[in-house]
Amino acid sequence: MALPQNEKPQNKTPAPAQSQSNAQQAPSTAGMIISRLNDLNVRMRLAEQRINQNKERLRVIDDQMLGNKKELSSEVSEI
């Protein structure tokens, strides 16, 4: 199907100014992505530290409960 002579075919490639604009945005987009990944990495490390602290607290509580169980067991056997 031929185009009428007054219409030009559409060019799919961006205009030079738009191409330069996209090239300038790419580093800032990459920088934003890297920054967000770094933030997520820090948050994950902090969450991991909190998890480890909570595990230690649970170990302490578990040890206390085991000690209480032994005390109760010995008291019951005395009765």
PDB file of N, CA and C in Angstrom:
ATOM      1  N   MET A   1       0.852  -1.166   0.000  1.00  0.00           N
ATOM      2  CA  MET A   1       0.000   0.000   0.000  1.00  0.00           C
ATOM      3  C   MET A   1       0.901   1.232   0.000  1.00  0.00           C
ATOM      4  N   ALA A   2       0.806   2.053  -0.980  1.00  0.00           N
ATOM      5  CA  ALA A   2       1.666   3.225  -1.137  1.00  0.00           C
ATOM      6  C   ALA A   2       1.128   4.379  -0.310  1.00  0.00           C
ATOM      7  N   LEU A   3       2.062   5.160   0.230  1.00  0.00           N
ATOM      8  CA  LEU A   3       1.674   6.335   0.994  1.00  0.00           C
ATOM      9  C   LEU A   3       1.392   7.488   0.040  1.00  0.00           C
ATOM     10  N   PRO A   4       0.442   8.335   0.382  1.00  0.00           N
ATOM     11  CA  PRO A   4       0.254   9.529  -0.446  1.00  0.00           C
ATOM     12  C   PRO A   4       1.528  10.369  -0.421  1.00  0.00           C
ATOM     13  N   GLN A   5       1.750  11.153  -1.439  1.00  0.00           N
ATOM     14  CA  GLN A   5       3.004  11.875  -1.569  1.00  0.00           C
ATOM     15  C   GLN A   5       3.194  12.940  -0.499  1.00  0.00           C
ATOM     16  N   ASN A   6       2.137  13.453   0.098  1.00  0.00           N
ATOM     17  CA  ASN A   6       2.301  14.492   1.110  1.00  0.00           C
ATOM     18  C   ASN A   6       2.575  13.917   2.506  1.00  0.00           C
ATOM     19  N   GLU A   7       2.451  12.600   2.696  1.00  0.00           N
ATOM     20  CA  GLU A   7       2.737  11.980   3.992  1.00  0.00           C
ATOM     21  C   GLU A   7       4.111  11.340   3.973  1.00  0.00           C
ATOM     22  N   LYS A   8       4.819  11.487   5.086  1.00  0.00           N
ATOM     23  CA  LYS A   8       6.142  10.880   5.211  1.00  0.00           C
ATOM     24  C   LYS A   8       6.006   9.611   6.048  1.00  0.00           C
ATOM     25  N   PRO A   9       6.839   8.621   5.801  1.00  0.00           N
ATOM     26  CA  PRO A   9       6.795   7.439   6.671  1.00  0.00           C
ATOM     27  C   PRO A   9       7.246   7.816   8.080  1.00  0.00           C
ATOM     28  N   GLN A  10       6.647   7.168   9.076  1.00  0.00           N
ATOM     29  CA  GLN A  10       7.013   7.472  10.461  1.00  0.00           C
ATOM     30  C   GLN A  10       8.357   6.856  10.787  1.00  0.00           C
ATOM     31  N   ASN A  11       9.196   7.660  11.387  1.00  0.00           N
ATOM     32  CA  ASN A  11      10.526   7.206  11.780  1.00  0.00           C
ATOM     33  C   ASN A  11      10.453   6.695  13.216  1.00  0.00           C
ATOM     34  N   LYS A  12      10.824   5.462  13.455  1.00  0.00           N
ATOM     35  CA  LYS A  12      10.731   4.858  14.786  1.00  0.00           C
ATOM     36  C   LYS A  12      11.909   5.242  15.682  1.00  0.00           C
ATOM     37  N   THR A  13      13.002   5.727  15.121  1.00  0.00           N
ATOM     38  CA  THR A  13      14.165   6.089  15.937  1.00  0.00           C
ATOM     39  C   THR A  13      13.935   7.461  16.537  1.00  0.00           C
ATOM     40  N   PRO A  14      14.406   7.697  17.778  1.00  0.00           N
ATOM     41  CA  PRO A  14      14.175   8.987  18.421  1.00  0.00           C
ATOM     42  C   PRO A  14      14.973  10.090  17.733  1.00  0.00           C
ATOM     43  N   ALA A  15      14.478  11.282  17.858  1.00  0.00           N
ATOM     44  CA  ALA A  15      15.186  12.441  17.320  1.00  0.00           C
ATOM     45  C   ALA A  15      16.494  12.599  18.088  1.00  0.00           C
ATOM     46  N   PRO A  16      17.508  13.246  17.510  1.00  0.00           N
ATOM     47  CA  PRO A  16      18.799  13.380  18.195  1.00  0.00           C
ATOM     48  C   PRO A  16      18.679  14.008  19.578  1.00  0.00           C
ATOM     49  N   ALA A  17      17.863  15.028  19.752  1.00  0.00           N
ATOM     50  CA  ALA A  17      17.719  15.662  21.067  1.00  0.00           C
ATOM     51  C   ALA A  17      17.120  14.679  22.064  1.00  0.00           C
ATOM     52  N   GLN A  18      16.135  13.917  21.624  1.00  0.00           N
ATOM     53  CA  GLN A  18      15.511  12.932  22.506  1.00  0.00           C
ATOM     54  C   GLN A  18      16.496  11.823  22.836  1.00  0.00           C
ATOM     55  N   SER A  19      17.303  11.444  21.881  1.00  0.00           N
ATOM     56  CA  SER A  19      18.303  10.404  22.101  1.00  0.00           C
ATOM     57  C   SER A  19      19.314  10.846  23.145  1.00  0.00           C
ATOM     58  N   GLN A  20      19.743  12.111  23.069  1.00  0.00           N
ATOM     59  CA  GLN A  20      20.688  12.632  24.056  1.00  0.00           C
ATOM     60  C   GLN A  20      20.041  12.689  25.427  1.00  0.00           C
ATOM     61  N   SER A  21      18.776  13.066  25.478  1.00  0.00           N
ATOM     62  CA  SER A  21      18.047  13.124  26.737  1.00  0.00           C
ATOM     63  C   SER A  21      17.986  11.741  27.381  1.00  0.00           C
ATOM     64  N   ASN A  22      17.695  10.725  26.587  1.00  0.00           N
ATOM     65  CA  ASN A  22      17.650   9.358  27.107  1.00  0.00           C
ATOM     66  C   ASN A  22      19.018   8.922  27.609  1.00  0.00           C
ATOM     67  N   ALA A  23      20.079   9.317  26.912  1.00  0.00           N
ATOM     68  CA  ALA A  23      21.431   8.943  27.327  1.00  0.00           C
ATOM     69  C   ALA A  23      21.788   9.606  28.646  1.00  0.00           C
ATOM     70  N   GLN A  24      21.309  10.826  28.864  1.00  0.00           N
ATOM     71  CA  GLN A  24      21.595  11.514  30.119  1.00  0.00           C
ATOM     72  C   GLN A  24      20.791  10.922  31.265  1.00  0.00           C
ATOM     73  N   GLN A  25      19.599  10.429  30.980  1.00  0.00           N
ATOM     74  CA  GLN A  25      18.765   9.847  32.026  1.00  0.00           C
ATOM     75  C   GLN A  25      19.269   8.480  32.456  1.00  0.00           C
ATOM     76  N   ALA A  26      19.930   7.766  31.574  1.00  0.00           N
ATOM     77  CA  ALA A  26      20.376   6.409  31.887  1.00  0.00           C
ATOM     78  C   ALA A  26      21.308   6.375  33.095  1.00  0.00           C
ATOM     79  N   PRO A  27      22.345   7.221  33.174  1.00  0.00           N
ATOM     80  CA  PRO A  27      23.211   7.166  34.355  1.00  0.00           C
ATOM     81  C   PRO A  27      22.468   7.529  35.635  1.00  0.00           C
ATOM     82  N   SER A  28      21.565   8.514  35.569  1.00  0.00           N
ATOM     83  CA  SER A  28      20.849   8.879  36.782  1.00  0.00           C
ATOM     84  C   SER A  28      19.901   7.761  37.196  1.00  0.00           C
ATOM     85  N   THR A  29      19.307   7.078  36.234  1.00  0.00           N
ATOM     86  CA  THR A  29      18.445   5.940  36.548  1.00  0.00           C
ATOM     87  C   THR A  29      19.271   4.823  37.161  1.00  0.00           C
ATOM     88  N   ALA A  30      20.432   4.559  36.584  1.00  0.00           N
ATOM     89  CA  ALA A  30      21.311   3.525  37.138  1.00  0.00           C
ATOM     90  C   ALA A  30      21.755   3.920  38.538  1.00  0.00           C
ATOM     91  N   GLY A  31      22.051   5.189  38.734  1.00  0.00           N
ATOM     92  CA  GLY A  31      22.451   5.668  40.059  1.00  0.00           C
ATOM     93  C   GLY A  31      21.338   5.506  41.077  1.00  0.00           C
ATOM     94  N   MET A  32      20.107   5.797  40.647  1.00  0.00           N
ATOM     95  CA  MET A  32      18.970   5.629  41.554  1.00  0.00           C
ATOM     96  C   MET A  32      18.788   4.165  41.920  1.00  0.00           C
ATOM     97  N   ILE A  33      18.941   3.292  40.944  1.00  0.00           N
ATOM     98  CA  ILE A  33      18.792   1.853  41.202  1.00  0.00           C
ATOM     99  C   ILE A  33      19.867   1.386  42.165  1.00  0.00           C
ATOM    100  N   ILE A  34      21.108   1.809  41.935  1.00  0.00           N
ATOM    101  CA  ILE A  34      22.213   1.415  42.818  1.00  0.00           C
ATOM    102  C   ILE A  34      21.975   1.946  44.220  1.00  0.00           C
ATOM    103  N   SER A  35      21.519   3.184  44.327  1.00  0.00           N
ATOM    104  CA  SER A  35      21.244   3.777  45.632  1.00  0.00           C
ATOM    105  C   SER A  35      20.159   2.997  46.369  1.00  0.00           C
ATOM    106  N   ARG A  36      19.096   2.648  45.655  1.00  0.00           N
ATOM    107  CA  ARG A  36      18.012   1.884  46.292  1.00  0.00           C
ATOM    108  C   ARG A  36      18.481   0.497  46.703  1.00  0.00           C
ATOM    109  N   LEU A  37      19.318  -0.130  45.871  1.00  0.00           N
ATOM    110  CA  LEU A  37      19.855  -1.446  46.226  1.00  0.00           C
ATOM    111  C   LEU A  37      20.736  -1.349  47.465  1.00  0.00           C
ATOM    112  N   ASN A  38      21.544  -0.293  47.551  1.00  0.00           N
ATOM    113  CA  ASN A  38      22.377  -0.096  48.739  1.00  0.00           C
ATOM    114  C   ASN A  38      21.515   0.100  49.979  1.00  0.00           C
ATOM    115  N   ASP A  39      20.452   0.895  49.855  1.00  0.00           N
ATOM    116  CA  ASP A  39      19.535   1.097  50.981  1.00  0.00           C
ATOM    117  C   ASP A  39      18.902  -0.221  51.412  1.00  0.00           C
ATOM    118  N   LEU A  40      18.465  -1.007  50.441  1.00  0.00           N
ATOM    119  CA  LEU A  40      17.871  -2.306  50.761  1.00  0.00           C
ATOM    120  C   LEU A  40      18.879  -3.224  51.435  1.00  0.00           C
ATOM    121  N   ASN A  41      20.115  -3.174  50.964  1.00  0.00           N
ATOM    122  CA  ASN A  41      21.166  -4.000  51.546  1.00  0.00           C
ATOM    123  C   ASN A  41      21.389  -3.629  53.012  1.00  0.00           C
ATOM    124  N   VAL A  42      21.417  -2.333  53.306  1.00  0.00           N
ATOM    125  CA  VAL A  42      21.589  -1.873  54.689  1.00  0.00           C
ATOM    126  C   VAL A  42      20.410  -2.336  55.540  1.00  0.00           C
ATOM    127  N   ARG A  43      19.198  -2.174  55.012  1.00  0.00           N
ATOM    128  CA  ARG A  43      18.014  -2.589  55.767  1.00  0.00           C
ATOM    129  C   ARG A  43      18.022  -4.091  56.028  1.00  0.00           C
ATOM    130  N   MET A  44      18.473  -4.868  55.044  1.00  0.00           N
ATOM    131  CA  MET A  44      18.536  -6.322  55.229  1.00  0.00           C
ATOM    132  C   MET A  44      19.562  -6.685  56.298  1.00  0.00           C
ATOM    133  N   ARG A  45      20.712  -5.996  56.298  1.00  0.00           N
ATOM    134  CA  ARG A  45      21.726  -6.278  57.326  1.00  0.00           C
ATOM    135  C   ARG A  45      21.207  -5.939  58.717  1.00  0.00           C
ATOM    136  N   LEU A  46      20.506  -4.810  58.837  1.00  0.00           N
ATOM    137  CA  LEU A  46      19.935  -4.435  60.129  1.00  0.00           C
ATOM    138  C   LEU A  46      18.878  -5.442  60.575  1.00  0.00           C
ATOM    139  N   ALA A  47      18.062  -5.894  59.640  1.00  0.00           N
ATOM    140  CA  ALA A  47      17.045  -6.902  59.968  1.00  0.00           C
ATOM    141  C   ALA A  47      17.708  -8.198  60.410  1.00  0.00           C
ATOM    142  N   GLU A  48      18.793  -8.569  59.742  1.00  0.00           N
ATOM    143  CA  GLU A  48      19.515  -9.787  60.120  1.00  0.00           C
ATOM    144  C   GLU A  48      20.097  -9.656  61.527  1.00  0.00           C
ATOM    145  N   GLN A  49      20.607  -8.467  61.865  1.00  0.00           N
ATOM    146  CA  GLN A  49      21.122  -8.246  63.219  1.00  0.00           C
ATOM    147  C   GLN A  49      20.008  -8.386  64.253  1.00  0.00           C
ATOM    148  N   ARG A  50      18.838  -7.807  63.951  1.00  0.00           N
ATOM    149  CA  ARG A  50      17.712  -7.922  64.886  1.00  0.00           C
ATOM    150  C   ARG A  50      17.277  -9.371  65.043  1.00  0.00           C
ATOM    151  N   ILE A  51      17.275 -10.120  63.953  1.00  0.00           N
ATOM    152  CA  ILE A  51      16.911 -11.541  64.019  1.00  0.00           C
ATOM    153  C   ILE A  51      17.886 -12.286  64.914  1.00  0.00           C
ATOM    154  N   ASN A  52      19.177 -12.026  64.742  1.00  0.00           N
ATOM    155  CA  ASN A  52      20.178 -12.704  65.565  1.00  0.00           C
ATOM    156  C   ASN A  52      20.048 -12.316  67.035  1.00  0.00           C
ATOM    157  N   GLN A  53      19.744 -11.037  67.312  1.00  0.00           N
ATOM    158  CA  GLN A  53      19.526 -10.614  68.698  1.00  0.00           C
ATOM    159  C   GLN A  53      18.314 -11.325  69.288  1.00  0.00           C
ATOM    160  N   ASN A  54      17.251 -11.428  68.502  1.00  0.00           N
ATOM    161  CA  ASN A  54      16.049 -12.114  68.983  1.00  0.00           C
ATOM    162  C   ASN A  54      16.311 -13.596  69.215  1.00  0.00           C
ATOM    163  N   LYS A  55      17.126 -14.208  68.350  1.00  0.00           N
ATOM    164  CA  LYS A  55      17.486 -15.617  68.560  1.00  0.00           C
ATOM    165  C   LYS A  55      18.216 -15.783  69.880  1.00  0.00           C
ATOM    166  N   GLU A  56      19.138 -14.857  70.170  1.00  0.00           N
ATOM    167  CA  GLU A  56      19.891 -14.941  71.425  1.00  0.00           C
ATOM    168  C   GLU A  56      18.956 -14.761  72.616  1.00  0.00           C
ATOM    169  N   ARG A  57      18.023 -13.824  72.516  1.00  0.00           N
ATOM    170  CA  ARG A  57      17.051 -13.636  73.602  1.00  0.00           C
ATOM    171  C   ARG A  57      16.226 -14.900  73.810  1.00  0.00           C
ATOM    172  N   LEU A  58      15.821 -15.529  72.714  1.00  0.00           N
ATOM    173  CA  LEU A  58      15.048 -16.768  72.828  1.00  0.00           C
ATOM    174  C   LEU A  58      15.871 -17.878  73.470  1.00  0.00           C
ATOM    175  N   ARG A  59      17.170 -17.936  73.153  1.00  0.00           N
ATOM    176  CA  ARG A  59      18.031 -18.945  73.791  1.00  0.00           C
ATOM    177  C   ARG A  59      18.095 -18.725  75.297  1.00  0.00           C
ATOM    178  N   VAL A  60      18.223 -17.458  75.702  1.00  0.00           N
ATOM    179  CA  VAL A  60      18.278 -17.136  77.133  1.00  0.00           C
ATOM    180  C   VAL A  60      16.967 -17.532  77.807  1.00  0.00           C
ATOM    181  N   ILE A  61      15.849 -17.180  77.193  1.00  0.00           N
ATOM    182  CA  ILE A  61      14.541 -17.531  77.757  1.00  0.00           C
ATOM    183  C   ILE A  61      14.381 -19.046  77.823  1.00  0.00           C
ATOM    184  N   ASP A  62      14.820 -19.737  76.782  1.00  0.00           N
ATOM    185  CA  ASP A  62      14.738 -21.196  76.755  1.00  0.00           C
ATOM    186  C   ASP A  62      15.560 -21.804  77.889  1.00  0.00           C
ATOM    187  N   ASP A  63      16.763 -21.269  78.102  1.00  0.00           N
ATOM    188  CA  ASP A  63      17.602 -21.757  79.206  1.00  0.00           C
ATOM    189  C   ASP A  63      16.933 -21.504  80.550  1.00  0.00           C
ATOM    190  N   GLN A  64      16.315 -20.326  80.708  1.00  0.00           N
ATOM    191  CA  GLN A  64      15.622 -20.018  81.961  1.00  0.00           C
ATOM    192  C   GLN A  64      14.452 -20.971  82.177  1.00  0.00           C
ATOM    193  N   MET A  65      13.702 -21.235  81.126  1.00  0.00           N
ATOM    194  CA  MET A  65      12.566 -22.149  81.246  1.00  0.00           C
ATOM    195  C   MET A  65      13.034 -23.557  81.582  1.00  0.00           C
ATOM    196  N   LEU A  66      14.135 -23.984  80.985  1.00  0.00           N
ATOM    197  CA  LEU A  66      14.676 -25.310  81.286  1.00  0.00           C
ATOM    198  C   LEU A  66      15.108 -25.386  82.750  1.00  0.00           C
ATOM    199  N   GLY A  67      15.749 -24.302  83.237  1.00  0.00           N
ATOM    200  CA  GLY A  67      16.141 -24.252  84.647  1.00  0.00           C
ATOM    201  C   GLY A  67      14.926 -24.307  85.559  1.00  0.00           C
ATOM    202  N   ASN A  68      13.873 -23.554  85.214  1.00  0.00           N
ATOM    203  CA  ASN A  68      12.645 -23.567  86.011  1.00  0.00           C
ATOM    204  C   ASN A  68      12.008 -24.948  86.003  1.00  0.00           C
ATOM    205  N   LYS A  69      12.042 -25.608  84.854  1.00  0.00           N
ATOM    206  CA  LYS A  69      11.464 -26.946  84.743  1.00  0.00           C
ATOM    207  C   LYS A  69      12.205 -27.918  85.654  1.00  0.00           C
ATOM    208  N   LYS A  70      13.536 -27.818  85.672  1.00  0.00           N
ATOM    209  CA  LYS A  70      14.323 -28.709  86.536  1.00  0.00           C
ATOM    210  C   LYS A  70      14.034 -28.438  88.005  1.00  0.00           C
ATOM    211  N   GLU A  71      13.910 -27.145  88.369  1.00  0.00           N
ATOM    212  CA  GLU A  71      13.602 -26.804  89.760  1.00  0.00           C
ATOM    213  C   GLU A  71      12.234 -27.352  90.155  1.00  0.00           C
ATOM    214  N   LEU A  72      11.245 -27.151  89.291  1.00  0.00           N
ATOM    215  CA  LEU A  72       9.906 -27.654  89.588  1.00  0.00           C
ATOM    216  C   LEU A  72       9.898 -29.171  89.678  1.00  0.00           C
ATOM    217  N   SER A  73      10.643 -29.802  88.800  1.00  0.00           N
ATOM    218  CA  SER A  73      10.702 -31.258  88.807  1.00  0.00           C
ATOM    219  C   SER A  73      11.300 -31.760  90.116  1.00  0.00           C
ATOM    220  N   SER A  74      12.360 -31.095  90.582  1.00  0.00           N
ATOM    221  CA  SER A  74      12.981 -31.541  91.837  1.00  0.00           C
ATOM    222  C   SER A  74      12.065 -31.247  93.025  1.00  0.00           C
ATOM    223  N   GLU A  75      11.325 -30.122  92.986  1.00  0.00           N
ATOM    224  CA  GLU A  75      10.402 -29.806  94.072  1.00  0.00           C
ATOM    225  C   GLU A  75       9.251 -30.804  94.111  1.00  0.00           C
ATOM    226  N   VAL A  76       8.754 -31.198  92.953  1.00  0.00           N
ATOM    227  CA  VAL A  76       7.655 -32.155  92.893  1.00  0.00           C
ATOM    228  C   VAL A  76       8.122 -33.509  93.404  1.00  0.00           C
ATOM    229  N   SER A  77       9.346 -33.880  93.061  1.00  0.00           N
ATOM    230  CA  SER A  77       9.842 -35.183  93.523  1.00  0.00           C
ATOM    231  C   SER A  77      10.057 -35.180  95.035  1.00  0.00           C
ATOM    232  N   GLU A  78      10.336 -34.019  95.637  1.00  0.00           N
ATOM    233  CA  GLU A  78      10.488 -33.928  97.090  1.00  0.00           C
ATOM    234  C   GLU A  78       9.146 -34.103  97.782  1.00  0.00           C
ATOM    235  N   ILE A  79       8.103 -33.623  97.135  1.00  0.00           N
ATOM    236  CA  ILE A  79       6.764 -33.712  97.738  1.00  0.00           C
ATOM    237  C   ILE A  79       6.313 -35.135  97.608  1.00  0.00           C
TER     238      ILE A  79
END
